PDB file of N, CA and C in Angstrom:
ATOM      1  N   MET A   1       1.615  -6.972 -14.468  1.00  0.00           N
ATOM      2  CA  MET A   1       1.055  -6.288 -15.595  1.00  0.00           C
ATOM      3  C   MET A   1       2.118  -5.358 -16.166  1.00  0.00           C
ATOM      4  N   GLY A   2       2.191  -5.269 -17.450  1.00  0.00           N
ATOM      5  CA  GLY A   2       3.178  -4.430 -18.099  1.00  0.00           C
ATOM      6  C   GLY A   2       4.532  -5.112 -18.162  1.00  0.00           C
ATOM      7  N   GLN A   3       5.469  -4.449 -18.789  1.00  0.00           N
ATOM      8  CA  GLN A   3       6.820  -4.974 -18.951  1.00  0.00           C
ATOM      9  C   GLN A   3       7.661  -4.627 -17.731  1.00  0.00           C
ATOM     10  N   PRO A   4       8.106  -5.641 -16.956  1.00  0.00           N
ATOM     11  CA  PRO A   4       8.940  -5.348 -15.782  1.00  0.00           C
ATOM     12  C   PRO A   4      10.179  -4.551 -16.174  1.00  0.00           C
ATOM     13  N   GLN A   5      10.544  -3.642 -15.311  1.00  0.00           N
ATOM     14  CA  GLN A   5      11.711  -2.812 -15.568  1.00  0.00           C
ATOM     15  C   GLN A   5      12.391  -2.465 -14.256  1.00  0.00           C
ATOM     16  N   ARG A   6      13.637  -2.146 -14.357  1.00  0.00           N
ATOM     17  CA  ARG A   6      14.417  -1.763 -13.181  1.00  0.00           C
ATOM     18  C   ARG A   6      13.947  -0.392 -12.712  1.00  0.00           C
ATOM     19  N   LEU A   7      13.752  -0.283 -11.422  1.00  0.00           N
ATOM     20  CA  LEU A   7      13.336   0.977 -10.816  1.00  0.00           C
ATOM     21  C   LEU A   7      14.482   1.550 -10.005  1.00  0.00           C
ATOM     22  N   PRO A   8      14.452   2.852  -9.743  1.00  0.00           N
ATOM     23  CA  PRO A   8      15.439   3.400  -8.820  1.00  0.00           C
ATOM     24  C   PRO A   8      15.326   2.676  -7.473  1.00  0.00           C
ATOM     25  N   VAL A   9      16.443   2.476  -6.818  1.00  0.00           N
ATOM     26  CA  VAL A   9      16.460   1.732  -5.552  1.00  0.00           C
ATOM     27  C   VAL A   9      15.480   2.334  -4.543  1.00  0.00           C
ATOM     28  N   ALA A  10      15.400   3.649  -4.477  1.00  0.00           N
ATOM     29  CA  ALA A  10      14.486   4.292  -3.530  1.00  0.00           C
ATOM     30  C   ALA A  10      13.032   3.912  -3.828  1.00  0.00           C
ATOM     31  N   HIS A  11      12.684   3.768  -5.101  1.00  0.00           N
ATOM     32  CA  HIS A  11      11.326   3.371  -5.482  1.00  0.00           C
ATOM     33  C   HIS A  11      11.079   1.911  -5.104  1.00  0.00           C
ATOM     34  N   GLU A  12      12.052   1.064  -5.405  1.00  0.00           N
ATOM     35  CA  GLU A  12      11.916  -0.358  -5.048  1.00  0.00           C
ATOM     36  C   GLU A  12      11.734  -0.522  -3.545  1.00  0.00           C
ATOM     37  N   LEU A  13      12.528   0.188  -2.778  1.00  0.00           N
ATOM     38  CA  LEU A  13      12.458   0.081  -1.322  1.00  0.00           C
ATOM     39  C   LEU A  13      11.123   0.606  -0.797  1.00  0.00           C
ATOM     40  N   ALA A  14      10.659   1.716  -1.324  1.00  0.00           N
ATOM     41  CA  ALA A  14       9.371   2.268  -0.879  1.00  0.00           C
ATOM     42  C   ALA A  14       8.246   1.285  -1.166  1.00  0.00           C
ATOM     43  N   LEU A  15       8.225   0.698  -2.360  1.00  0.00           N
ATOM     44  CA  LEU A  15       7.166  -0.259  -2.710  1.00  0.00           C
ATOM     45  C   LEU A  15       7.268  -1.529  -1.868  1.00  0.00           C
ATOM     46  N   LEU A  16       8.473  -1.990  -1.612  1.00  0.00           N
ATOM     47  CA  LEU A  16       8.660  -3.165  -0.760  1.00  0.00           C
ATOM     48  C   LEU A  16       8.123  -2.909   0.646  1.00  0.00           C
ATOM     49  N   ARG A  17       8.488  -1.787   1.227  1.00  0.00           N
ATOM     50  CA  ARG A  17       8.054  -1.477   2.589  1.00  0.00           C
ATOM     51  C   ARG A  17       6.538  -1.283   2.667  1.00  0.00           C
ATOM     52  N   VAL A  18       5.955  -0.671   1.653  1.00  0.00           N
ATOM     53  CA  VAL A  18       4.500  -0.509   1.630  1.00  0.00           C
ATOM     54  C   VAL A  18       3.835  -1.876   1.537  1.00  0.00           C
ATOM     55  N   ALA A  19       4.362  -2.753   0.681  1.00  0.00           N
ATOM     56  CA  ALA A  19       3.797  -4.109   0.566  1.00  0.00           C
ATOM     57  C   ALA A  19       3.896  -4.836   1.902  1.00  0.00           C
ATOM     58  N   GLN A  20       5.053  -4.752   2.553  1.00  0.00           N
ATOM     59  CA  GLN A  20       5.223  -5.410   3.854  1.00  0.00           C
ATOM     60  C   GLN A  20       4.226  -4.874   4.880  1.00  0.00           C
ATOM     61  N   SER A  21       4.066  -3.571   4.931  1.00  0.00           N
ATOM     62  CA  SER A  21       3.156  -2.969   5.905  1.00  0.00           C
ATOM     63  C   SER A  21       1.704  -3.324   5.611  1.00  0.00           C
ATOM     64  N   ALA A  22       1.328  -3.274   4.345  1.00  0.00           N
ATOM     65  CA  ALA A  22      -0.054  -3.601   3.974  1.00  0.00           C
ATOM     66  C   ALA A  22      -0.365  -5.065   4.280  1.00  0.00           C
ATOM     67  N   LEU A  23       0.584  -5.957   4.011  1.00  0.00           N
ATOM     68  CA  LEU A  23       0.380  -7.377   4.312  1.00  0.00           C
ATOM     69  C   LEU A  23       0.322  -7.615   5.822  1.00  0.00           C
ATOM     70  N   ALA A  24       1.175  -6.935   6.564  1.00  0.00           N
ATOM     71  CA  ALA A  24       1.149  -7.076   8.023  1.00  0.00           C
ATOM     72  C   ALA A  24      -0.176  -6.565   8.582  1.00  0.00           C
ATOM     73  N   ASN A  25      -0.647  -5.429   8.080  1.00  0.00           N
ATOM     74  CA  ASN A  25      -1.928  -4.895   8.538  1.00  0.00           C
ATOM     75  C   ASN A  25      -3.071  -5.845   8.203  1.00  0.00           C
ATOM     76  N   ALA A  26      -3.050  -6.392   6.994  1.00  0.00           N
ATOM     77  CA  ALA A  26      -4.122  -7.304   6.574  1.00  0.00           C
ATOM     78  C   ALA A  26      -4.179  -8.519   7.488  1.00  0.00           C
ATOM     79  N   THR A  27      -3.038  -9.137   7.725  1.00  0.00           N
ATOM     80  CA  THR A  27      -3.044 -10.357   8.529  1.00  0.00           C
ATOM     81  C   THR A  27      -3.304 -10.093  10.004  1.00  0.00           C
ATOM     82  N   THR A  28      -2.823  -8.964  10.513  1.00  0.00           N
ATOM     83  CA  THR A  28      -2.996  -8.641  11.923  1.00  0.00           C
ATOM     84  C   THR A  28      -4.409  -8.161  12.236  1.00  0.00           C
ATOM     85  N   HIS A  29      -4.939  -7.301  11.387  1.00  0.00           N
ATOM     86  CA  HIS A  29      -6.211  -6.651  11.688  1.00  0.00           C
ATOM     87  C   HIS A  29      -7.398  -7.195  10.897  1.00  0.00           C
ATOM     88  N   GLY A  30      -7.174  -7.585   9.646  1.00  0.00           N
ATOM     89  CA  GLY A  30      -8.292  -7.954   8.790  1.00  0.00           C
ATOM     90  C   GLY A  30      -8.672  -9.416   8.806  1.00  0.00           C
ATOM     91  N   ARG A  31      -7.699 -10.273   9.152  1.00  0.00           N
ATOM     92  CA  ARG A  31      -7.916 -11.717   9.155  1.00  0.00           C
ATOM     93  C   ARG A  31      -8.549 -12.204   7.850  1.00  0.00           C
ATOM     94  N   PRO A  32      -7.936 -11.907   6.723  1.00  0.00           N
ATOM     95  CA  PRO A  32      -8.524 -12.287   5.441  1.00  0.00           C
ATOM     96  C   PRO A  32      -8.324 -13.765   5.112  1.00  0.00           C
ATOM     97  N   HIS A  33      -9.143 -14.243   4.205  1.00  0.00           N
ATOM     98  CA  HIS A  33      -8.963 -15.577   3.641  1.00  0.00           C
ATOM     99  C   HIS A  33      -8.060 -15.482   2.410  1.00  0.00           C
ATOM    100  N   ASP A  34      -8.102 -14.342   1.737  1.00  0.00           N
ATOM    101  CA  ASP A  34      -7.368 -14.163   0.488  1.00  0.00           C
ATOM    102  C   ASP A  34      -6.751 -12.767   0.460  1.00  0.00           C
ATOM    103  N   VAL A  35      -5.478 -12.688   0.066  1.00  0.00           N
ATOM    104  CA  VAL A  35      -4.791 -11.415  -0.133  1.00  0.00           C
ATOM    105  C   VAL A  35      -4.085 -11.503  -1.474  1.00  0.00           C
ATOM    106  N   ARG A  36      -4.254 -10.481  -2.279  1.00  0.00           N
ATOM    107  CA  ARG A  36      -3.604 -10.447  -3.596  1.00  0.00           C
ATOM    108  C   ARG A  36      -2.704  -9.227  -3.699  1.00  0.00           C
ATOM    109  N   VAL A  37      -1.494  -9.481  -4.166  1.00  0.00           N
ATOM    110  CA  VAL A  37      -0.515  -8.411  -4.358  1.00  0.00           C
ATOM    111  C   VAL A  37      -0.208  -8.343  -5.849  1.00  0.00           C
ATOM    112  N   THR A  38      -0.338  -7.153  -6.414  1.00  0.00           N
ATOM    113  CA  THR A  38      -0.085  -6.958  -7.839  1.00  0.00           C
ATOM    114  C   THR A  38       0.875  -5.787  -8.015  1.00  0.00           C
ATOM    115  N   LEU A  39       1.909  -5.992  -8.800  1.00  0.00           N
ATOM    116  CA  LEU A  39       2.838  -4.923  -9.166  1.00  0.00           C
ATOM    117  C   LEU A  39       2.654  -4.683 -10.655  1.00  0.00           C
ATOM    118  N   SER A  40       2.314  -3.453 -11.011  1.00  0.00           N
ATOM    119  CA  SER A  40       2.029  -3.114 -12.406  1.00  0.00           C
ATOM    120  C   SER A  40       2.981  -2.037 -12.899  1.00  0.00           C
ATOM    121  N   TYR A  41       3.530  -2.274 -14.074  1.00  0.00           N
ATOM    122  CA  TYR A  41       4.407  -1.303 -14.724  1.00  0.00           C
ATOM    123  C   TYR A  41       3.579  -0.614 -15.806  1.00  0.00           C
ATOM    124  N   LEU A  42       3.013   0.527 -15.467  1.00  0.00           N
ATOM    125  CA  LEU A  42       2.155   1.260 -16.380  1.00  0.00           C
ATOM    126  C   LEU A  42       2.966   2.309 -17.120  1.00  0.00           C
ATOM    127  N   ASP A  43       2.362   2.934 -18.121  1.00  0.00           N
ATOM    128  CA  ASP A  43       3.076   3.938 -18.905  1.00  0.00           C
ATOM    129  C   ASP A  43       3.543   5.118 -18.065  1.00  0.00           C
ATOM    130  N   ASP A  44       2.712   5.534 -17.110  1.00  0.00           N
ATOM    131  CA  ASP A  44       3.029   6.742 -16.356  1.00  0.00           C
ATOM    132  C   ASP A  44       3.484   6.496 -14.926  1.00  0.00           C
ATOM    133  N   CYS A  45       3.359   5.246 -14.440  1.00  0.00           N
ATOM    134  CA  CYS A  45       3.739   4.982 -13.058  1.00  0.00           C
ATOM    135  C   CYS A  45       3.971   3.488 -12.832  1.00  0.00           C
ATOM    136  N   THR A  46       4.557   3.200 -11.697  1.00  0.00           N
ATOM    137  CA  THR A  46       4.635   1.828 -11.200  1.00  0.00           C
ATOM    138  C   THR A  46       3.640   1.767 -10.060  1.00  0.00           C
ATOM    139  N   ALA A  47       2.745   0.770 -10.118  1.00  0.00           N
ATOM    140  CA  ALA A  47       1.657   0.695  -9.141  1.00  0.00           C
ATOM    141  C   ALA A  47       1.714  -0.621  -8.372  1.00  0.00           C
ATOM    142  N   LEU A  48       1.428  -0.544  -7.102  1.00  0.00           N
ATOM    143  CA  LEU A  48       1.354  -1.703  -6.225  1.00  0.00           C
ATOM    144  C   LEU A  48      -0.044  -1.735  -5.631  1.00  0.00           C
ATOM    145  N   ASP A  49      -0.706  -2.882  -5.737  1.00  0.00           N
ATOM    146  CA  ASP A  49      -2.029  -3.065  -5.140  1.00  0.00           C
ATOM    147  C   ASP A  49      -1.971  -4.247  -4.191  1.00  0.00           C
ATOM    148  N   VAL A  50      -2.465  -4.046  -2.975  1.00  0.00           N
ATOM    149  CA  VAL A  50      -2.610  -5.116  -1.996  1.00  0.00           C
ATOM    150  C   VAL A  50      -4.088  -5.118  -1.615  1.00  0.00           C
ATOM    151  N   VAL A  51      -4.782  -6.185  -2.019  1.00  0.00           N
ATOM    152  CA  VAL A  51      -6.230  -6.261  -1.833  1.00  0.00           C
ATOM    153  C   VAL A  51      -6.558  -7.509  -1.035  1.00  0.00           C
ATOM    154  N   ASP A  52      -7.390  -7.331   0.015  1.00  0.00           N
ATOM    155  CA  ASP A  52      -7.768  -8.487   0.831  1.00  0.00           C
ATOM    156  C   ASP A  52      -9.276  -8.541   1.020  1.00  0.00           C
ATOM    157  N   ASP A  53      -9.739  -9.703   1.441  1.00  0.00           N
ATOM    158  CA  ASP A  53     -11.163  -9.906   1.687  1.00  0.00           C
ATOM    159  C   ASP A  53     -11.453 -10.002   3.188  1.00  0.00           C
ATOM    160  N   GLY A  54     -10.638  -9.322   3.970  1.00  0.00           N
ATOM    161  CA  GLY A  54     -10.785  -9.368   5.426  1.00  0.00           C
ATOM    162  C   GLY A  54     -11.913  -8.511   5.946  1.00  0.00           C
ATOM    163  N   GLY A  55     -11.835  -8.206   7.223  1.00  0.00           N
ATOM    164  CA  GLY A  55     -12.903  -7.501   7.916  1.00  0.00           C
ATOM    165  C   GLY A  55     -13.067  -6.045   7.557  1.00  0.00           C
ATOM    166  N   GLY A  56     -12.055  -5.430   6.945  1.00  0.00           N
ATOM    167  CA  GLY A  56     -12.145  -4.028   6.573  1.00  0.00           C
ATOM    168  C   GLY A  56     -12.156  -3.107   7.782  1.00  0.00           C
ATOM    169  N   PHE A  57     -12.177  -1.804   7.521  1.00  0.00           N
ATOM    170  CA  PHE A  57     -12.176  -0.792   8.573  1.00  0.00           C
ATOM    171  C   PHE A  57     -12.577   0.539   7.954  1.00  0.00           C
ATOM    172  N   ASP A  58     -12.748   1.535   8.782  1.00  0.00           N
ATOM    173  CA  ASP A  58     -13.055   2.885   8.315  1.00  0.00           C
ATOM    174  C   ASP A  58     -11.746   3.663   8.252  1.00  0.00           C
ATOM    175  N   PRO A  59     -11.181   3.882   7.048  1.00  0.00           N
ATOM    176  CA  PRO A  59      -9.885   4.569   6.944  1.00  0.00           C
ATOM    177  C   PRO A  59      -9.887   5.965   7.560  1.00  0.00           C
ATOM    178  N   ASP A  60     -11.021   6.647   7.536  1.00  0.00           N
ATOM    179  CA  ASP A  60     -11.084   7.997   8.096  1.00  0.00           C
ATOM    180  C   ASP A  60     -11.028   7.999   9.621  1.00  0.00           C
ATOM    181  N   ALA A  61     -11.332   6.867  10.223  1.00  0.00           N
ATOM    182  CA  ALA A  61     -11.367   6.787  11.687  1.00  0.00           C
ATOM    183  C   ALA A  61     -10.059   6.300  12.288  1.00  0.00           C
ATOM    184  N   VAL A  62      -9.092   5.925  11.454  1.00  0.00           N
ATOM    185  CA  VAL A  62      -7.831   5.390  11.974  1.00  0.00           C
ATOM    186  C   VAL A  62      -7.021   6.520  12.605  1.00  0.00           C
ATOM    187  N   ARG A  63      -6.630   6.302  13.820  1.00  0.00           N
ATOM    188  CA  ARG A  63      -5.806   7.260  14.563  1.00  0.00           C
ATOM    189  C   ARG A  63      -4.690   6.485  15.250  1.00  0.00           C
ATOM    190  N   ALA A  64      -3.580   7.155  15.495  1.00  0.00           N
ATOM    191  CA  ALA A  64      -2.497   6.528  16.251  1.00  0.00           C
ATOM    192  C   ALA A  64      -2.994   6.238  17.664  1.00  0.00           C
ATOM    193  N   ARG A  65      -2.616   5.095  18.168  1.00  0.00           N
ATOM    194  CA  ARG A  65      -3.046   4.685  19.500  1.00  0.00           C
ATOM    195  C   ARG A  65      -2.030   5.107  20.558  1.00  0.00           C
ATOM    196  N   ALA A  66      -2.471   5.151  21.778  1.00  0.00           N
ATOM    197  CA  ALA A  66      -1.622   5.566  22.892  1.00  0.00           C
ATOM    198  C   ALA A  66      -0.419   4.643  23.069  1.00  0.00           C
ATOM    199  N   ASP A  67      -0.538   3.371  22.635  1.00  0.00           N
ATOM    200  CA  ASP A  67       0.578   2.438  22.806  1.00  0.00           C
ATOM    201  C   ASP A  67       1.643   2.586  21.724  1.00  0.00           C
ATOM    202  N   GLY A  68       1.475   3.584  20.838  1.00  0.00           N
ATOM    203  CA  GLY A  68       2.478   3.817  19.790  1.00  0.00           C
ATOM    204  C   GLY A  68       2.191   3.091  18.501  1.00  0.00           C
ATOM    205  N   SER A  69       1.168   2.252  18.467  1.00  0.00           N
ATOM    206  CA  SER A  69       0.813   1.570  17.224  1.00  0.00           C
ATOM    207  C   SER A  69      -0.172   2.440  16.456  1.00  0.00           C
ATOM    208  N   GLY A  70      -0.517   2.019  15.267  1.00  0.00           N
ATOM    209  CA  GLY A  70      -1.506   2.748  14.498  1.00  0.00           C
ATOM    210  C   GLY A  70      -0.919   3.752  13.532  1.00  0.00           C
ATOM    211  N   PHE A  71       0.393   3.727  13.330  1.00  0.00           N
ATOM    212  CA  PHE A  71       1.021   4.679  12.425  1.00  0.00           C
ATOM    213  C   PHE A  71       1.273   4.100  11.033  1.00  0.00           C
ATOM    214  N   GLY A  72       0.822   2.876  10.774  1.00  0.00           N
ATOM    215  CA  GLY A  72       1.137   2.193   9.522  1.00  0.00           C
ATOM    216  C   GLY A  72       0.769   2.955   8.265  1.00  0.00           C
ATOM    217  N   LEU A  73      -0.462   3.430   8.169  1.00  0.00           N
ATOM    218  CA  LEU A  73      -0.888   4.156   6.969  1.00  0.00           C
ATOM    219  C   LEU A  73      -0.133   5.462   6.811  1.00  0.00           C
ATOM    220  N   GLN A  74       0.096   6.153   7.917  1.00  0.00           N
ATOM    221  CA  GLN A  74       0.846   7.411   7.869  1.00  0.00           C
ATOM    222  C   GLN A  74       2.268   7.176   7.358  1.00  0.00           C
ATOM    223  N   VAL A  75       2.917   6.135   7.859  1.00  0.00           N
ATOM    224  CA  VAL A  75       4.289   5.834   7.437  1.00  0.00           C
ATOM    225  C   VAL A  75       4.315   5.434   5.960  1.00  0.00           C
ATOM    226  N   MET A  76       3.325   4.659   5.519  1.00  0.00           N
ATOM    227  CA  MET A  76       3.263   4.295   4.095  1.00  0.00           C
ATOM    228  C   MET A  76       3.139   5.548   3.233  1.00  0.00           C
ATOM    229  N   ARG A  77       2.270   6.460   3.627  1.00  0.00           N
ATOM    230  CA  ARG A  77       2.095   7.708   2.856  1.00  0.00           C
ATOM    231  C   ARG A  77       3.391   8.512   2.810  1.00  0.00           C
ATOM    232  N   GLU A  78       4.077   8.609   3.953  1.00  0.00           N
ATOM    233  CA  GLU A  78       5.321   9.374   4.002  1.00  0.00           C
ATOM    234  C   GLU A  78       6.403   8.738   3.134  1.00  0.00           C
ATOM    235  N   ARG A  79       6.517   7.412   3.166  1.00  0.00           N
ATOM    236  CA  ARG A  79       7.506   6.723   2.328  1.00  0.00           C
ATOM    237  C   ARG A  79       7.271   7.028   0.859  1.00  0.00           C
ATOM    238  N   LEU A  80       6.018   6.977   0.464  1.00  0.00           N
ATOM    239  CA  LEU A  80       5.695   7.237  -0.933  1.00  0.00           C
ATOM    240  C   LEU A  80       5.878   8.706  -1.285  1.00  0.00           C
ATOM    241  N   ARG A  81       5.486   9.578  -0.386  1.00  0.00           N
ATOM    242  CA  ARG A  81       5.654  11.015  -0.631  1.00  0.00           C
ATOM    243  C   ARG A  81       7.126  11.345  -0.861  1.00  0.00           C
ATOM    244  N   ASP A  82       8.017  10.683  -0.137  1.00  0.00           N
ATOM    245  CA  ASP A  82       9.453  10.926  -0.272  1.00  0.00           C
ATOM    246  C   ASP A  82       9.970  10.633  -1.679  1.00  0.00           C
ATOM    247  N   VAL A  83       9.272   9.761  -2.425  1.00  0.00           N
ATOM    248  CA  VAL A  83       9.700   9.429  -3.797  1.00  0.00           C
ATOM    249  C   VAL A  83       8.691   9.932  -4.826  1.00  0.00           C
ATOM    250  N   GLY A  84       7.842  10.876  -4.418  1.00  0.00           N
ATOM    251  CA  GLY A  84       6.884  11.478  -5.343  1.00  0.00           C
ATOM    252  C   GLY A  84       5.639  10.640  -5.587  1.00  0.00           C
ATOM    253  N   GLY A  85       5.414   9.641  -4.737  1.00  0.00           N
ATOM    254  CA  GLY A  85       4.279   8.744  -4.937  1.00  0.00           C
ATOM    255  C   GLY A  85       3.081   9.085  -4.080  1.00  0.00           C
ATOM    256  N   THR A  86       2.034   8.288  -4.265  1.00  0.00           N
ATOM    257  CA  THR A  86       0.785   8.481  -3.532  1.00  0.00           C
ATOM    258  C   THR A  86       0.266   7.151  -3.010  1.00  0.00           C
ATOM    259  N   LEU A  87      -0.600   7.233  -2.010  1.00  0.00           N
ATOM    260  CA  LEU A  87      -1.238   6.061  -1.431  1.00  0.00           C
ATOM    261  C   LEU A  87      -2.736   6.317  -1.351  1.00  0.00           C
ATOM    262  N   VAL A  88      -3.515   5.339  -1.805  1.00  0.00           N
ATOM    263  CA  VAL A  88      -4.968   5.396  -1.690  1.00  0.00           C
ATOM    264  C   VAL A  88      -5.404   4.140  -0.950  1.00  0.00           C
ATOM    265  N   VAL A  89      -6.258   4.311   0.045  1.00  0.00           N
ATOM    266  CA  VAL A  89      -6.780   3.184   0.818  1.00  0.00           C
ATOM    267  C   VAL A  89      -8.293   3.203   0.705  1.00  0.00           C
ATOM    268  N   GLU A  90      -8.839   2.077   0.265  1.00  0.00           N
ATOM    269  CA  GLU A  90     -10.291   1.925   0.199  1.00  0.00           C
ATOM    270  C   GLU A  90     -10.677   0.741   1.070  1.00  0.00           C
ATOM    271  N   SER A  91     -11.626   0.970   1.968  1.00  0.00           N
ATOM    272  CA  SER A  91     -12.046  -0.088   2.868  1.00  0.00           C
ATOM    273  C   SER A  91     -13.374   0.284   3.496  1.00  0.00           C
ATOM    274  N   ALA A  92     -14.071  -0.721   3.966  1.00  0.00           N
ATOM    275  CA  ALA A  92     -15.295  -0.537   4.741  1.00  0.00           C
ATOM    276  C   ALA A  92     -15.453  -1.775   5.604  1.00  0.00           C
ATOM    277  N   ARG A  93     -16.036  -1.609   6.760  1.00  0.00           N
ATOM    278  CA  ARG A  93     -16.231  -2.745   7.663  1.00  0.00           C
ATOM    279  C   ARG A  93     -16.953  -3.876   6.927  1.00  0.00           C
ATOM    280  N   GLY A  94     -16.360  -5.069   7.025  1.00  0.00           N
ATOM    281  CA  GLY A  94     -16.941  -6.246   6.394  1.00  0.00           C
ATOM    282  C   GLY A  94     -16.714  -6.357   4.907  1.00  0.00           C
ATOM    283  N   GLU A  95     -15.999  -5.413   4.317  1.00  0.00           N
ATOM    284  CA  GLU A  95     -15.822  -5.387   2.866  1.00  0.00           C
ATOM    285  C   GLU A  95     -14.382  -5.594   2.406  1.00  0.00           C
ATOM    286  N   GLY A  96     -13.450  -5.828   3.308  1.00  0.00           N
ATOM    287  CA  GLY A  96     -12.057  -5.977   2.907  1.00  0.00           C
ATOM    288  C   GLY A  96     -11.385  -4.626   2.719  1.00  0.00           C
ATOM    289  N   THR A  97     -10.147  -4.675   2.237  1.00  0.00           N
ATOM    290  CA  THR A  97      -9.342  -3.464   2.094  1.00  0.00           C
ATOM    291  C   THR A  97      -8.519  -3.530   0.821  1.00  0.00           C
ATOM    292  N   ALA A  98      -8.383  -2.384   0.159  1.00  0.00           N
ATOM    293  CA  ALA A  98      -7.499  -2.242  -0.993  1.00  0.00           C
ATOM    294  C   ALA A  98      -6.530  -1.104  -0.695  1.00  0.00           C
ATOM    295  N   VAL A  99      -5.244  -1.416  -0.749  1.00  0.00           N
ATOM    296  CA  VAL A  99      -4.188  -0.424  -0.571  1.00  0.00           C
ATOM    297  C   VAL A  99      -3.507  -0.279  -1.920  1.00  0.00           C
ATOM    298  N   MET A 100      -3.518   0.956  -2.453  1.00  0.00           N
ATOM    299  CA  MET A 100      -2.966   1.196  -3.783  1.00  0.00           C
ATOM    300  C   MET A 100      -1.876   2.258  -3.703  1.00  0.00           C
ATOM    301  N   ALA A 101      -0.672   1.876  -4.093  1.00  0.00           N
ATOM    302  CA  ALA A 101       0.462   2.794  -4.098  1.00  0.00           C
ATOM    303  C   ALA A 101       0.883   3.028  -5.536  1.00  0.00           C
ATOM    304  N   ALA A 102       1.249   4.264  -5.856  1.00  0.00           N
ATOM    305  CA  ALA A 102       1.706   4.575  -7.202  1.00  0.00           C
ATOM    306  C   ALA A 102       2.875   5.544  -7.121  1.00  0.00           C
ATOM    307  N   ILE A 103       3.899   5.252  -7.925  1.00  0.00           N
ATOM    308  CA  ILE A 103       5.060   6.138  -8.027  1.00  0.00           C
ATOM    309  C   ILE A 103       5.210   6.495  -9.502  1.00  0.00           C
ATOM    310  N   PRO A 104       5.173   7.800  -9.836  1.00  0.00           N
ATOM    311  CA  PRO A 104       5.308   8.198 -11.225  1.00  0.00           C
ATOM    312  C   PRO A 104       6.626   7.720 -11.829  1.00  0.00           C
ATOM    313  N   ARG A 105       6.575   7.349 -13.100  1.00  0.00           N
ATOM    314  CA  ARG A 105       7.797   6.969 -13.827  1.00  0.00           C
ATOM    315  C   ARG A 105       8.549   8.219 -14.204  1.00  0.00           C
ATOM    316  N   ARG A 106       9.843   8.105 -14.129  1.00  0.00           N
ATOM    317  CA  ARG A 106      10.710   9.201 -14.561  1.00  0.00           C
ATOM    318  C   ARG A 106      10.983   9.056 -16.042  1.00  0.00           C
ATOM    319  N   PRO A 107      10.997  10.161 -16.774  1.00  0.00           N
ATOM    320  CA  PRO A 107      11.352  10.051 -18.193  1.00  0.00           C
ATOM    321  C   PRO A 107      12.786   9.550 -18.343  1.00  0.00           C
ATOM    322  N   GLU A 108      13.007   8.743 -19.364  1.00  0.00           N
ATOM    323  CA  GLU A 108      14.359   8.198 -19.623  1.00  0.00           C
ATOM    324  C   GLU A 108      15.296   9.305 -20.043  1.00  0.00           C
TER     325      GLU A 108
END
């Protein structure tokens, strides 16, 4: 969506890593039949959406596990925060998951 444009390397890398993590989480935990990835170049930001129809989860209940796993959402948020972006996760058991990342556009 929108006119593709070159982004700062740090923004490209943050969006790539978030997409990789969201896709890994979807396939590992959600077992979806369908996953859609959308990159949108909006007037005020570049947005990445990863939406699946998997099993979903309660985002408020996610905690790091004793085995060191479970940090995916936290790391995604930190990556985006480092470039001025945000992460929103919407999910519910049996309803799939939507991971939405946005990084504000810099004025030319």
